[in-house]
């Protein structure tokens, strides 16, 4: 039995809710994650709000792209899936990486489905 257009439109808010829940469930993260696609793969990097502010104004992705274009690189924490002390799965820092202008092809926001650990202090 076909669904009327009106019925289909009334389902849209209900279908969108599950997509929004993971980000809302984890609360405000102490770090914003971005996926950088490069010639040899991709990397997830994290920048704190303070680090993002130091990149200037405008949309966050554009700030990162401008820094890479202007200075030839950006240094940030690399995030990977790890185990928390309680055994749960999360995203946490692995090491500091420098992404070079010659390697970076695309920058996009990354919306994690897992909790995100803050970067080490300092």
PDB file of N, CA and C in Angstrom:
ATOM      1  N   UNK A   1       0.845  -1.174   0.000  1.00  0.00           N
ATOM      2  CA  UNK A   1       0.000   0.000   0.000  1.00  0.00           C
ATOM      3  C   UNK A   1       0.893   1.240   0.000  1.00  0.00           C
ATOM      4  N   UNK A   2       0.753   2.118  -0.974  1.00  0.00           N
ATOM      5  CA  UNK A   2       1.603   3.305  -1.038  1.00  0.00           C
ATOM      6  C   UNK A   2       1.320   4.277   0.097  1.00  0.00           C
ATOM      7  N   UNK A   3       2.380   4.990   0.508  1.00  0.00           N
ATOM      8  CA  UNK A   3       2.269   5.990   1.562  1.00  0.00           C
ATOM      9  C   UNK A   3       2.000   7.331   0.898  1.00  0.00           C
ATOM     10  N   UNK A   4       1.026   8.064   1.428  1.00  0.00           N
ATOM     11  CA  UNK A   4       0.730   9.381   0.858  1.00  0.00           C
ATOM     12  C   UNK A   4       1.890  10.330   1.140  1.00  0.00           C
ATOM     13  N   UNK A   5       1.963  11.384   0.351  1.00  0.00           N
ATOM     14  CA  UNK A   5       3.030  12.377   0.530  1.00  0.00           C
ATOM     15  C   UNK A   5       2.954  13.011   1.910  1.00  0.00           C
ATOM     16  N   UNK A   6       1.746  13.296   2.369  1.00  0.00           N
ATOM     17  CA  UNK A   6       1.566  13.900   3.692  1.00  0.00           C
ATOM     18  C   UNK A   6       2.064  12.968   4.790  1.00  0.00           C
ATOM     19  N   UNK A   7       1.766  11.675   4.672  1.00  0.00           N
ATOM     20  CA  UNK A   7       2.244  10.702   5.661  1.00  0.00           C
ATOM     21  C   UNK A   7       3.756  10.594   5.644  1.00  0.00           C
ATOM     22  N   UNK A   8       4.323  10.622   4.454  1.00  0.00           N
ATOM     23  CA  UNK A   8       5.778  10.527   4.339  1.00  0.00           C
ATOM     24  C   UNK A   8       6.443  11.737   4.979  1.00  0.00           C
ATOM     25  N   UNK A   9       5.891  12.929   4.752  1.00  0.00           N
ATOM     26  CA  UNK A   9       6.459  14.135   5.342  1.00  0.00           C
ATOM     27  C   UNK A   9       6.345  14.129   6.859  1.00  0.00           C
ATOM     28  N   UNK A  10       5.290  13.540   7.394  1.00  0.00           N
ATOM     29  CA  UNK A  10       5.135  13.496   8.849  1.00  0.00           C
ATOM     30  C   UNK A  10       6.139  12.544   9.487  1.00  0.00           C
ATOM     31  N   UNK A  11       6.685  11.608   8.719  1.00  0.00           N
ATOM     32  CA  UNK A  11       7.677  10.666   9.245  1.00  0.00           C
ATOM     33  C   UNK A  11       9.079  11.258   9.294  1.00  0.00           C
ATOM     34  N   UNK A  12       9.350  12.314   8.526  1.00  0.00           N
ATOM     35  CA  UNK A  12      10.700  12.863   8.462  1.00  0.00           C
ATOM     36  C   UNK A  12      11.267  13.245   9.821  1.00  0.00           C
ATOM     37  N   UNK A  13      10.555  13.969  10.698  1.00  0.00           N
ATOM     38  CA  UNK A  13      11.139  14.290  12.005  1.00  0.00           C
ATOM     39  C   UNK A  13      11.477  13.044  12.813  1.00  0.00           C
ATOM     40  N   UNK A  14      10.659  12.024  12.738  1.00  0.00           N
ATOM     41  CA  UNK A  14      10.924  10.797  13.493  1.00  0.00           C
ATOM     42  C   UNK A  14      12.156  10.082  12.954  1.00  0.00           C
ATOM     43  N   UNK A  15      12.359  10.133  11.638  1.00  0.00           N
ATOM     44  CA  UNK A  15      13.531   9.487  11.044  1.00  0.00           C
ATOM     45  C   UNK A  15      14.805  10.250  11.349  1.00  0.00           C
ATOM     46  N   UNK A  16      14.720  11.555  11.492  1.00  0.00           N
ATOM     47  CA  UNK A  16      15.907  12.372  11.746  1.00  0.00           C
ATOM     48  C   UNK A  16      16.372  12.260  13.191  1.00  0.00           C
ATOM     49  N   UNK A  17      15.483  11.969  14.123  1.00  0.00           N
ATOM     50  CA  UNK A  17      15.847  11.903  15.534  1.00  0.00           C
ATOM     51  C   UNK A  17      16.967  10.919  15.832  1.00  0.00           C
ATOM     52  N   UNK A  18      16.915   9.674  15.338  1.00  0.00           N
ATOM     53  CA  UNK A  18      18.013   8.754  15.654  1.00  0.00           C
ATOM     54  C   UNK A  18      19.365   9.240  15.157  1.00  0.00           C
ATOM     55  N   UNK A  19      19.405   9.994  14.064  1.00  0.00           N
ATOM     56  CA  UNK A  19      20.671  10.500  13.562  1.00  0.00           C
ATOM     57  C   UNK A  19      21.252  11.562  14.476  1.00  0.00           C
ATOM     58  N   UNK A  20      20.406  12.321  15.154  1.00  0.00           N
ATOM     59  CA  UNK A  20      20.878  13.401  16.009  1.00  0.00           C
ATOM     60  C   UNK A  20      21.254  12.918  17.400  1.00  0.00           C
ATOM     61  N   UNK A  21      20.763  11.786  17.822  1.00  0.00           N
ATOM     62  CA  UNK A  21      20.976  11.332  19.193  1.00  0.00           C
ATOM     63  C   UNK A  21      22.418  11.061  19.579  1.00  0.00           C
ATOM     64  N   UNK A  22      23.248  10.385  18.762  1.00  0.00           N
ATOM     65  CA  UNK A  22      24.604  10.104  19.229  1.00  0.00           C
ATOM     66  C   UNK A  22      25.376  11.344  19.632  1.00  0.00           C
ATOM     67  N   UNK A  23      25.314  12.410  18.852  1.00  0.00           N
ATOM     68  CA  UNK A  23      26.052  13.619  19.197  1.00  0.00           C
ATOM     69  C   UNK A  23      25.496  14.244  20.474  1.00  0.00           C
ATOM     70  N   UNK A  24      24.177  14.262  20.629  1.00  0.00           N
ATOM     71  CA  UNK A  24      23.573  14.855  21.817  1.00  0.00           C
ATOM     72  C   UNK A  24      23.829  13.981  23.043  1.00  0.00           C
ATOM     73  N   UNK A  25      23.876  12.672  22.848  1.00  0.00           N
ATOM     74  CA  UNK A  25      24.056  11.759  23.974  1.00  0.00           C
ATOM     75  C   UNK A  25      25.433  11.898  24.611  1.00  0.00           C
ATOM     76  N   UNK A  26      26.441  12.237  23.810  1.00  0.00           N
ATOM     77  CA  UNK A  26      27.780  12.316  24.375  1.00  0.00           C
ATOM     78  C   UNK A  26      28.073  13.673  24.989  1.00  0.00           C
ATOM     79  N   UNK A  27      27.153  14.630  24.855  1.00  0.00           N
ATOM     80  CA  UNK A  27      27.347  15.929  25.484  1.00  0.00           C
ATOM     81  C   UNK A  27      28.343  16.769  24.711  1.00  0.00           C
ATOM     82  N   UNK A  28      28.726  17.872  25.285  1.00  0.00           N
ATOM     83  CA  UNK A  28      29.679  18.789  24.651  1.00  0.00           C
ATOM     84  C   UNK A  28      31.083  18.222  24.783  1.00  0.00           C
ATOM     85  N   UNK A  29      31.729  18.001  23.667  1.00  0.00           N
ATOM     86  CA  UNK A  29      33.069  17.427  23.655  1.00  0.00           C
ATOM     87  C   UNK A  29      34.107  18.516  23.903  1.00  0.00           C
ATOM     88  N   UNK A  30      35.199  18.188  24.612  1.00  0.00           N
ATOM     89  CA  UNK A  30      36.265  19.162  24.844  1.00  0.00           C
ATOM     90  C   UNK A  30      37.137  19.375  23.615  1.00  0.00           C
ATOM     91  N   UNK A  31      36.843  18.680  22.543  1.00  0.00           N
ATOM     92  CA  UNK A  31      37.648  18.768  21.327  1.00  0.00           C
ATOM     93  C   UNK A  31      36.729  18.581  20.125  1.00  0.00           C
ATOM     94  N   UNK A  32      37.041  19.271  19.027  1.00  0.00           N
ATOM     95  CA  UNK A  32      36.295  19.100  17.777  1.00  0.00           C
ATOM     96  C   UNK A  32      37.146  18.229  16.865  1.00  0.00           C
ATOM     97  N   UNK A  33      36.507  17.236  16.246  1.00  0.00           N
ATOM     98  CA  UNK A  33      37.219  16.307  15.382  1.00  0.00           C
ATOM     99  C   UNK A  33      36.976  16.639  13.910  1.00  0.00           C
ATOM    100  N   UNK A  34      38.015  16.385  13.105  1.00  0.00           N
ATOM    101  CA  UNK A  34      37.948  16.623  11.666  1.00  0.00           C
ATOM    102  C   UNK A  34      38.624  15.458  10.956  1.00  0.00           C
ATOM    103  N   UNK A  35      38.056  15.090   9.819  1.00  0.00           N
ATOM    104  CA  UNK A  35      38.637  14.030   8.995  1.00  0.00           C
ATOM    105  C   UNK A  35      39.381  14.706   7.858  1.00  0.00           C
ATOM    106  N   UNK A  36      40.663  14.387   7.736  1.00  0.00           N
ATOM    107  CA  UNK A  36      41.479  14.910   6.642  1.00  0.00           C
ATOM    108  C   UNK A  36      41.764  13.761   5.693  1.00  0.00           C
ATOM    109  N   UNK A  37      41.330  13.920   4.457  1.00  0.00           N
ATOM    110  CA  UNK A  37      41.604  12.931   3.425  1.00  0.00           C
ATOM    111  C   UNK A  37      42.900  13.343   2.760  1.00  0.00           C
ATOM    112  N   UNK A  38      43.814  12.377   2.657  1.00  0.00           N
ATOM    113  CA  UNK A  38      45.128  12.658   2.093  1.00  0.00           C
ATOM    114  C   UNK A  38      45.436  11.659   0.987  1.00  0.00           C
ATOM    115  N   UNK A  39      46.555  11.828   0.328  1.00  0.00           N
ATOM    116  CA  UNK A  39      46.933  10.963  -0.782  1.00  0.00           C
ATOM    117  C   UNK A  39      47.009   9.499  -0.366  1.00  0.00           C
ATOM    118  N   UNK A  40      47.472   9.239   0.832  1.00  0.00           N
ATOM    119  CA  UNK A  40      47.698   7.855   1.273  1.00  0.00           C
ATOM    120  C   UNK A  40      46.674   7.369   2.283  1.00  0.00           C
ATOM    121  N   UNK A  41      45.537   8.021   2.389  1.00  0.00           N
ATOM    122  CA  UNK A  41      44.523   7.584   3.339  1.00  0.00           C
ATOM    123  C   UNK A  41      43.865   8.768   4.010  1.00  0.00           C
ATOM    124  N   UNK A  42      43.477   8.561   5.244  1.00  0.00           N
ATOM    125  CA  UNK A  42      42.835   9.628   5.982  1.00  0.00           C
ATOM    126  C   UNK A  42      43.265   9.590   7.435  1.00  0.00           C
ATOM    127  N   UNK A  43      43.058  10.710   8.115  1.00  0.00           N
ATOM    128  CA  UNK A  43      43.405  10.814   9.522  1.00  0.00           C
ATOM    129  C   UNK A  43      42.318  11.638  10.202  1.00  0.00           C
ATOM    130  N   UNK A  44      41.993  11.284  11.435  1.00  0.00           N
ATOM    131  CA  UNK A  44      41.069  12.054  12.250  1.00  0.00           C
ATOM    132  C   UNK A  44      41.919  12.891  13.197  1.00  0.00           C
ATOM    133  N   UNK A  45      41.744  14.212  13.143  1.00  0.00           N
ATOM    134  CA  UNK A  45      42.488  15.094  14.041  1.00  0.00           C
ATOM    135  C   UNK A  45      41.513  15.798  14.975  1.00  0.00           C
ATOM    136  N   UNK A  46      42.040  16.228  16.121  1.00  0.00           N
ATOM    137  CA  UNK A  46      41.229  16.951  17.080  1.00  0.00           C
ATOM    138  C   UNK A  46      41.853  18.281  17.444  1.00  0.00           C
ATOM    139  N   UNK A  47      41.023  19.309  17.523  1.00  0.00           N
ATOM    140  CA  UNK A  47      41.455  20.639  17.934  1.00  0.00           C
ATOM    141  C   UNK A  47      40.523  21.127  19.036  1.00  0.00           C
ATOM    142  N   UNK A  48      41.089  21.726  20.066  1.00  0.00           N
ATOM    143  CA  UNK A  48      40.284  22.286  21.145  1.00  0.00           C
ATOM    144  C   UNK A  48      39.654  23.595  20.665  1.00  0.00           C
ATOM    145  N   UNK A  49      38.621  24.064  21.344  1.00  0.00           N
ATOM    146  CA  UNK A  49      38.046  25.361  20.974  1.00  0.00           C
ATOM    147  C   UNK A  49      39.090  26.480  20.972  1.00  0.00           C
ATOM    148  N   UNK A  50      40.005  26.446  21.904  1.00  0.00           N
ATOM    149  CA  UNK A  50      41.068  27.454  21.975  1.00  0.00           C
ATOM    150  C   UNK A  50      41.974  27.392  20.746  1.00  0.00           C
ATOM    151  N   UNK A  51      42.336  26.176  20.332  1.00  0.00           N
ATOM    152  CA  UNK A  51      43.170  26.019  19.133  1.00  0.00           C
ATOM    153  C   UNK A  51      42.431  26.512  17.893  1.00  0.00           C
ATOM    154  N   UNK A  52      41.131  26.217  17.810  1.00  0.00           N
ATOM    155  CA  UNK A  52      40.345  26.674  16.670  1.00  0.00           C
ATOM    156  C   UNK A  52      40.255  28.196  16.637  1.00  0.00           C
ATOM    157  N   UNK A  53      40.097  28.815  17.795  1.00  0.00           N
ATOM    158  CA  UNK A  53      40.043  30.274  17.865  1.00  0.00           C
ATOM    159  C   UNK A  53      41.338  30.897  17.350  1.00  0.00           C
ATOM    160  N   UNK A  54      42.464  30.247  17.625  1.00  0.00           N
ATOM    161  CA  UNK A  54      43.757  30.789  17.185  1.00  0.00           C
ATOM    162  C   UNK A  54      43.919  30.741  15.664  1.00  0.00           C
ATOM    163  N   UNK A  55      43.033  29.994  14.987  1.00  0.00           N
ATOM    164  CA  UNK A  55      43.108  29.891  13.527  1.00  0.00           C
ATOM    165  C   UNK A  55      42.353  31.014  12.826  1.00  0.00           C
ATOM    166  N   UNK A  56      41.710  31.889  13.571  1.00  0.00           N
ATOM    167  CA  UNK A  56      40.991  33.004  12.962  1.00  0.00           C
ATOM    168  C   UNK A  56      39.491  32.840  13.053  1.00  0.00           C
ATOM    169  N   UNK A  57      38.796  33.522  12.138  1.00  0.00           N
ATOM    170  CA  UNK A  57      37.340  33.504  12.159  1.00  0.00           C
ATOM    171  C   UNK A  57      36.810  32.759  10.946  1.00  0.00           C
ATOM    172  N   UNK A  58      35.511  32.516  10.961  1.00  0.00           N
ATOM    173  CA  UNK A  58      34.863  31.812   9.864  1.00  0.00           C
ATOM    174  C   UNK A  58      34.565  30.385  10.240  1.00  0.00           C
ATOM    175  N   UNK A  59      33.970  29.639   9.314  1.00  0.00           N
ATOM    176  CA  UNK A  59      33.680  28.227   9.566  1.00  0.00           C
ATOM    177  C   UNK A  59      34.955  27.451   9.911  1.00  0.00           C
ATOM    178  N   UNK A  60      34.834  26.519  10.834  1.00  0.00           N
ATOM    179  CA  UNK A  60      36.001  25.783  11.342  1.00  0.00           C
ATOM    180  C   UNK A  60      36.795  25.097  10.235  1.00  0.00           C
ATOM    181  N   UNK A  61      36.106  24.453   9.302  1.00  0.00           N
ATOM    182  CA  UNK A  61      36.791  23.743   8.213  1.00  0.00           C
ATOM    183  C   UNK A  61      37.612  24.722   7.372  1.00  0.00           C
ATOM    184  N   UNK A  62      37.044  25.896   7.132  1.00  0.00           N
ATOM    185  CA  UNK A  62      37.774  26.895   6.348  1.00  0.00           C
ATOM    186  C   UNK A  62      38.996  27.407   7.101  1.00  0.00           C
ATOM    187  N   UNK A  63      38.884  27.544   8.411  1.00  0.00           N
ATOM    188  CA  UNK A  63      40.036  27.986   9.205  1.00  0.00           C
ATOM    189  C   UNK A  63      41.185  27.004   9.068  1.00  0.00           C
ATOM    190  N   UNK A  64      40.859  25.714   9.158  1.00  0.00           N
ATOM    191  CA  UNK A  64      41.894  24.676   9.045  1.00  0.00           C
ATOM    192  C   UNK A  64      42.509  24.703   7.645  1.00  0.00           C
ATOM    193  N   UNK A  65      41.667  24.773   6.624  1.00  0.00           N
ATOM    194  CA  UNK A  65      42.163  24.797   5.247  1.00  0.00           C
ATOM    195  C   UNK A  65      43.040  26.022   4.993  1.00  0.00           C
ATOM    196  N   UNK A  66      42.627  27.184   5.525  1.00  0.00           N
ATOM    197  CA  UNK A  66      43.443  28.396   5.361  1.00  0.00           C
ATOM    198  C   UNK A  66      44.800  28.250   6.027  1.00  0.00           C
ATOM    199  N   UNK A  67      44.839  27.644   7.218  1.00  0.00           N
ATOM    200  CA  UNK A  67      46.123  27.453   7.912  1.00  0.00           C
ATOM    201  C   UNK A  67      47.032  26.546   7.105  1.00  0.00           C
ATOM    202  N   UNK A  68      46.481  25.456   6.581  1.00  0.00           N
ATOM    203  CA  UNK A  68      47.293  24.533   5.782  1.00  0.00           C
ATOM    204  C   UNK A  68      47.815  25.240   4.536  1.00  0.00           C
ATOM    205  N   UNK A  69      46.961  26.016   3.869  1.00  0.00           N
ATOM    206  CA  UNK A  69      47.371  26.706   2.644  1.00  0.00           C
ATOM    207  C   UNK A  69      48.395  27.803   2.934  1.00  0.00           C
ATOM    208  N   UNK A  70      48.176  28.571   4.006  1.00  0.00           N
ATOM    209  CA  UNK A  70      49.051  29.709   4.297  1.00  0.00           C
ATOM    210  C   UNK A  70      50.399  29.294   4.866  1.00  0.00           C
ATOM    211  N   UNK A  71      50.400  28.355   5.797  1.00  0.00           N
ATOM    212  CA  UNK A  71      51.644  27.985   6.472  1.00  0.00           C
ATOM    213  C   UNK A  71      52.243  26.678   5.980  1.00  0.00           C
ATOM    214  N   UNK A  72      51.510  25.964   5.124  1.00  0.00           N
ATOM    215  CA  UNK A  72      52.046  24.735   4.571  1.00  0.00           C
ATOM    216  C   UNK A  72      51.826  23.501   5.425  1.00  0.00           C
ATOM    217  N   UNK A  73      51.261  23.679   6.627  1.00  0.00           N
ATOM    218  CA  UNK A  73      51.004  22.528   7.499  1.00  0.00           C
ATOM    219  C   UNK A  73      50.114  22.939   8.659  1.00  0.00           C
ATOM    220  N   UNK A  74      49.595  21.929   9.344  1.00  0.00           N
ATOM    221  CA  UNK A  74      48.893  22.127  10.611  1.00  0.00           C
ATOM    222  C   UNK A  74      49.280  20.967  11.516  1.00  0.00           C
ATOM    223  N   UNK A  75      49.493  21.254  12.780  1.00  0.00           N
ATOM    224  CA  UNK A  75      49.837  20.227  13.761  1.00  0.00           C
ATOM    225  C   UNK A  75      48.659  20.053  14.699  1.00  0.00           C
ATOM    226  N   UNK A  76      48.280  18.804  14.934  1.00  0.00           N
ATOM    227  CA  UNK A  76      47.131  18.511  15.796  1.00  0.00           C
ATOM    228  C   UNK A  76      47.274  17.101  16.369  1.00  0.00           C
ATOM    229  N   UNK A  77      46.423  16.781  17.349  1.00  0.00           N
ATOM    230  CA  UNK A  77      46.395  15.429  17.895  1.00  0.00           C
ATOM    231  C   UNK A  77      45.674  14.510  16.928  1.00  0.00           C
ATOM    232  N   UNK A  78      46.253  13.347  16.684  1.00  0.00           N
ATOM    233  CA  UNK A  78      45.608  12.303  15.882  1.00  0.00           C
ATOM    234  C   UNK A  78      44.734  11.486  16.818  1.00  0.00           C
ATOM    235  N   UNK A  79      43.486  11.241  16.435  1.00  0.00           N
ATOM    236  CA  UNK A  79      42.551  10.453  17.245  1.00  0.00           C
ATOM    237  C   UNK A  79      42.294   9.097  16.596  1.00  0.00           C
ATOM    238  N   UNK A  80      42.295   8.053  17.427  1.00  0.00           N
ATOM    239  CA  UNK A  80      41.985   6.699  16.980  1.00  0.00           C
ATOM    240  C   UNK A  80      41.059   6.031  17.994  1.00  0.00           C
ATOM    241  N   UNK A  81      40.453   4.939  17.591  1.00  0.00           N
ATOM    242  CA  UNK A  81      39.589   4.179  18.486  1.00  0.00           C
ATOM    243  C   UNK A  81      40.469   3.399  19.457  1.00  0.00           C
ATOM    244  N   UNK A  82      40.192   3.562  20.749  1.00  0.00           N
ATOM    245  CA  UNK A  82      40.947   2.870  21.795  1.00  0.00           C
ATOM    246  C   UNK A  82      39.993   2.373  22.862  1.00  0.00           C
ATOM    247  N   UNK A  83      40.550   1.721  23.867  1.00  0.00           N
ATOM    248  CA  UNK A  83      39.765   1.273  25.024  1.00  0.00           C
ATOM    249  C   UNK A  83      40.006   2.215  26.191  1.00  0.00           C
ATOM    250  N   UNK A  84      38.936   2.582  26.864  1.00  0.00           N
ATOM    251  CA  UNK A  84      39.032   3.403  28.074  1.00  0.00           C
ATOM    252  C   UNK A  84      39.441   2.489  29.232  1.00  0.00           C
ATOM    253  N   UNK A  85      39.864   3.050  30.354  1.00  0.00           N
ATOM    254  CA  UNK A  85      40.240   2.218  31.503  1.00  0.00           C
ATOM    255  C   UNK A  85      39.132   1.261  31.957  1.00  0.00           C
ATOM    256  N   UNK A  86      37.874   1.651  31.752  1.00  0.00           N
ATOM    257  CA  UNK A  86      36.759   0.780  32.150  1.00  0.00           C
ATOM    258  C   UNK A  86      36.430  -0.280  31.106  1.00  0.00           C
ATOM    259  N   UNK A  87      37.169  -0.290  29.989  1.00  0.00           N
ATOM    260  CA  UNK A  87      36.975  -1.297  28.951  1.00  0.00           C
ATOM    261  C   UNK A  87      36.053  -0.855  27.823  1.00  0.00           C
ATOM    262  N   UNK A  88      35.433   0.291  27.944  1.00  0.00           N
ATOM    263  CA  UNK A  88      34.544   0.773  26.890  1.00  0.00           C
ATOM    264  C   UNK A  88      35.377   1.314  25.717  1.00  0.00           C
ATOM    265  N   UNK A  89      34.756   1.421  24.569  1.00  0.00           N
ATOM    266  CA  UNK A  89      35.404   1.930  23.375  1.00  0.00           C
ATOM    267  C   UNK A  89      35.220   3.442  23.304  1.00  0.00           C
ATOM    268  N   UNK A  90      36.278   4.145  22.879  1.00  0.00           N
ATOM    269  CA  UNK A  90      36.218   5.601  22.747  1.00  0.00           C
ATOM    270  C   UNK A  90      37.240   6.053  21.730  1.00  0.00           C
ATOM    271  N   UNK A  91      37.178   7.318  21.370  1.00  0.00           N
ATOM    272  CA  UNK A  91      38.205   7.940  20.538  1.00  0.00           C
ATOM    273  C   UNK A  91      39.147   8.687  21.469  1.00  0.00           C
ATOM    274  N   UNK A  92      40.450   8.482  21.283  1.00  0.00           N
ATOM    275  CA  UNK A  92      41.438   9.138  22.139  1.00  0.00           C
ATOM    276  C   UNK A  92      42.666   9.494  21.314  1.00  0.00           C
ATOM    277  N   UNK A  93      43.491  10.371  21.881  1.00  0.00           N
ATOM    278  CA  UNK A  93      44.694  10.799  21.176  1.00  0.00           C
ATOM    279  C   UNK A  93      45.675   9.647  21.026  1.00  0.00           C
ATOM    280  N   UNK A  94      46.368   9.671  19.912  1.00  0.00           N
ATOM    281  CA  UNK A  94      47.414   8.674  19.679  1.00  0.00           C
ATOM    282  C   UNK A  94      48.775   9.345  19.695  1.00  0.00           C
ATOM    283  N   UNK A  95      48.934  10.410  18.885  1.00  0.00           N
ATOM    284  CA  UNK A  95      50.172  11.177  18.838  1.00  0.00           C
ATOM    285  C   UNK A  95      49.892  12.488  18.131  1.00  0.00           C
ATOM    286  N   UNK A  96      50.822  13.419  18.262  1.00  0.00           N
ATOM    287  CA  UNK A  96      50.737  14.678  17.513  1.00  0.00           C
ATOM    288  C   UNK A  96      51.208  14.393  16.096  1.00  0.00           C
ATOM    289  N   UNK A  97      50.467  14.935  15.129  1.00  0.00           N
ATOM    290  CA  UNK A  97      50.852  14.771  13.727  1.00  0.00           C
ATOM    291  C   UNK A  97      50.872  16.128  13.048  1.00  0.00           C
ATOM    292  N   UNK A  98      51.684  16.242  12.030  1.00  0.00           N
ATOM    293  CA  UNK A  98      51.712  17.429  11.183  1.00  0.00           C
ATOM    294  C   UNK A  98      51.187  17.018   9.823  1.00  0.00           C
ATOM    295  N   UNK A  99      50.163  17.703   9.352  1.00  0.00           N
ATOM    296  CA  UNK A  99      49.600  17.451   8.031  1.00  0.00           C
ATOM    297  C   UNK A  99      50.147  18.518   7.103  1.00  0.00           C
ATOM    298  N   UNK A 100      50.793  18.084   6.034  1.00  0.00           N
ATOM    299  CA  UNK A 100      51.433  19.001   5.097  1.00  0.00           C
ATOM    300  C   UNK A 100      50.510  19.365   3.943  1.00  0.00           C
ATOM    301  N   UNK A 101      50.693  20.546   3.423  1.00  0.00           N
ATOM    302  CA  UNK A 101      49.864  21.060   2.328  1.00  0.00           C
ATOM    303  C   UNK A 101      49.871  20.109   1.127  1.00  0.00           C
ATOM    304  N   UNK A 102      51.008  19.526   0.823  1.00  0.00           N
ATOM    305  CA  UNK A 102      51.109  18.643  -0.338  1.00  0.00           C
ATOM    306  C   UNK A 102      50.287  17.367  -0.169  1.00  0.00           C
ATOM    307  N   UNK A 103      49.987  16.988   1.074  1.00  0.00           N
ATOM    308  CA  UNK A 103      49.283  15.738   1.325  1.00  0.00           C
ATOM    309  C   UNK A 103      47.792  15.919   1.540  1.00  0.00           C
ATOM    310  N   UNK A 104      47.361  17.050   2.077  1.00  0.00           N
ATOM    311  CA  UNK A 104      45.956  17.259   2.432  1.00  0.00           C
ATOM    312  C   UNK A 104      45.133  17.553   1.183  1.00  0.00           C
ATOM    313  N   UNK A 105      44.090  16.741   0.969  1.00  0.00           N
ATOM    314  CA  UNK A 105      43.222  16.927  -0.181  1.00  0.00           C
ATOM    315  C   UNK A 105      41.849  17.461   0.215  1.00  0.00           C
ATOM    316  N   UNK A 106      41.374  17.091   1.417  1.00  0.00           N
ATOM    317  CA  UNK A 106      40.039  17.494   1.835  1.00  0.00           C
ATOM    318  C   UNK A 106      39.962  17.523   3.358  1.00  0.00           C
ATOM    319  N   UNK A 107      39.222  18.497   3.891  1.00  0.00           N
ATOM    320  CA  UNK A 107      38.983  18.609   5.327  1.00  0.00           C
ATOM    321  C   UNK A 107      37.478  18.642   5.530  1.00  0.00           C
ATOM    322  N   UNK A 108      36.975  17.833   6.451  1.00  0.00           N
ATOM    323  CA  UNK A 108      35.546  17.854   6.758  1.00  0.00           C
ATOM    324  C   UNK A 108      35.325  17.587   8.234  1.00  0.00           C
ATOM    325  N   UNK A 109      34.215  18.103   8.786  1.00  0.00           N
ATOM    326  CA  UNK A 109      33.918  17.815  10.192  1.00  0.00           C
ATOM    327  C   UNK A 109      33.681  16.316  10.364  1.00  0.00           C
ATOM    328  N   UNK A 110      34.037  15.799  11.515  1.00  0.00           N
ATOM    329  CA  UNK A 110      33.842  14.384  11.819  1.00  0.00           C
ATOM    330  C   UNK A 110      32.917  14.290  13.021  1.00  0.00           C
ATOM    331  N   UNK A 111      31.791  13.630  12.858  1.00  0.00           N
ATOM    332  CA  UNK A 111      30.806  13.469  13.926  1.00  0.00           C
ATOM    333  C   UNK A 111      30.935  12.068  14.509  1.00  0.00           C
ATOM    334  N   UNK A 112      31.615  11.951  15.637  1.00  0.00           N
ATOM    335  CA  UNK A 112      31.865  10.621  16.195  1.00  0.00           C
ATOM    336  C   UNK A 112      30.612  10.008  16.816  1.00  0.00           C
ATOM    337  N   UNK A 113      30.511   8.696  16.704  1.00  0.00           N
ATOM    338  CA  UNK A 113      29.446   7.952  17.348  1.00  0.00           C
ATOM    339  C   UNK A 113      29.908   7.465  18.720  1.00  0.00           C
ATOM    340  N   UNK A 114      31.206   7.584  19.004  1.00  0.00           N
ATOM    341  CA  UNK A 114      31.793   7.145  20.263  1.00  0.00           C
ATOM    342  C   UNK A 114      32.129   8.344  21.131  1.00  0.00           C
ATOM    343  N   UNK A 115      32.260   8.147  22.434  1.00  0.00           N
ATOM    344  CA  UNK A 115      32.750   9.239  23.300  1.00  0.00           C
ATOM    345  C   UNK A 115      34.158   9.644  22.882  1.00  0.00           C
ATOM    346  N   UNK A 116      34.487  10.910  23.127  1.00  0.00           N
ATOM    347  CA  UNK A 116      35.803  11.448  22.752  1.00  0.00           C
ATOM    348  C   UNK A 116      36.543  11.878  24.011  1.00  0.00           C
ATOM    349  N   UNK A 117      37.764  11.351  24.181  1.00  0.00           N
ATOM    350  CA  UNK A 117      38.597  11.733  25.315  1.00  0.00           C
ATOM    351  C   UNK A 117      39.265  13.074  25.030  1.00  0.00           C
ATOM    352  N   UNK A 118      39.436  13.910  26.050  1.00  0.00           N
ATOM    353  CA  UNK A 118      40.112  15.191  25.819  1.00  0.00           C
ATOM    354  C   UNK A 118      41.593  14.968  25.521  1.00  0.00           C
ATOM    355  N   UNK A 119      42.225  15.910  24.843  1.00  0.00           N
ATOM    356  CA  UNK A 119      43.670  15.786  24.590  1.00  0.00           C
ATOM    357  C   UNK A 119      44.449  15.954  25.875  1.00  0.00           C
ATOM    358  N   UNK A 120      45.666  15.450  25.934  1.00  0.00           N
ATOM    359  CA  UNK A 120      46.499  15.621  27.127  1.00  0.00           C
ATOM    360  C   UNK A 120      46.712  17.108  27.423  1.00  0.00           C
ATOM    361  N   UNK A 121      46.807  17.442  28.669  1.00  0.00           N
ATOM    362  CA  UNK A 121      47.051  18.836  29.074  1.00  0.00           C
ATOM    363  C   UNK A 121      48.448  19.249  28.649  1.00  0.00           C
ATOM    364  N   UNK A 122      48.545  20.525  28.289  1.00  0.00           N
ATOM    365  CA  UNK A 122      49.869  21.058  27.991  1.00  0.00           C
ATOM    366  C   UNK A 122      50.071  21.244  26.608  1.00  0.00           C
TER     367      UNK A 122
END
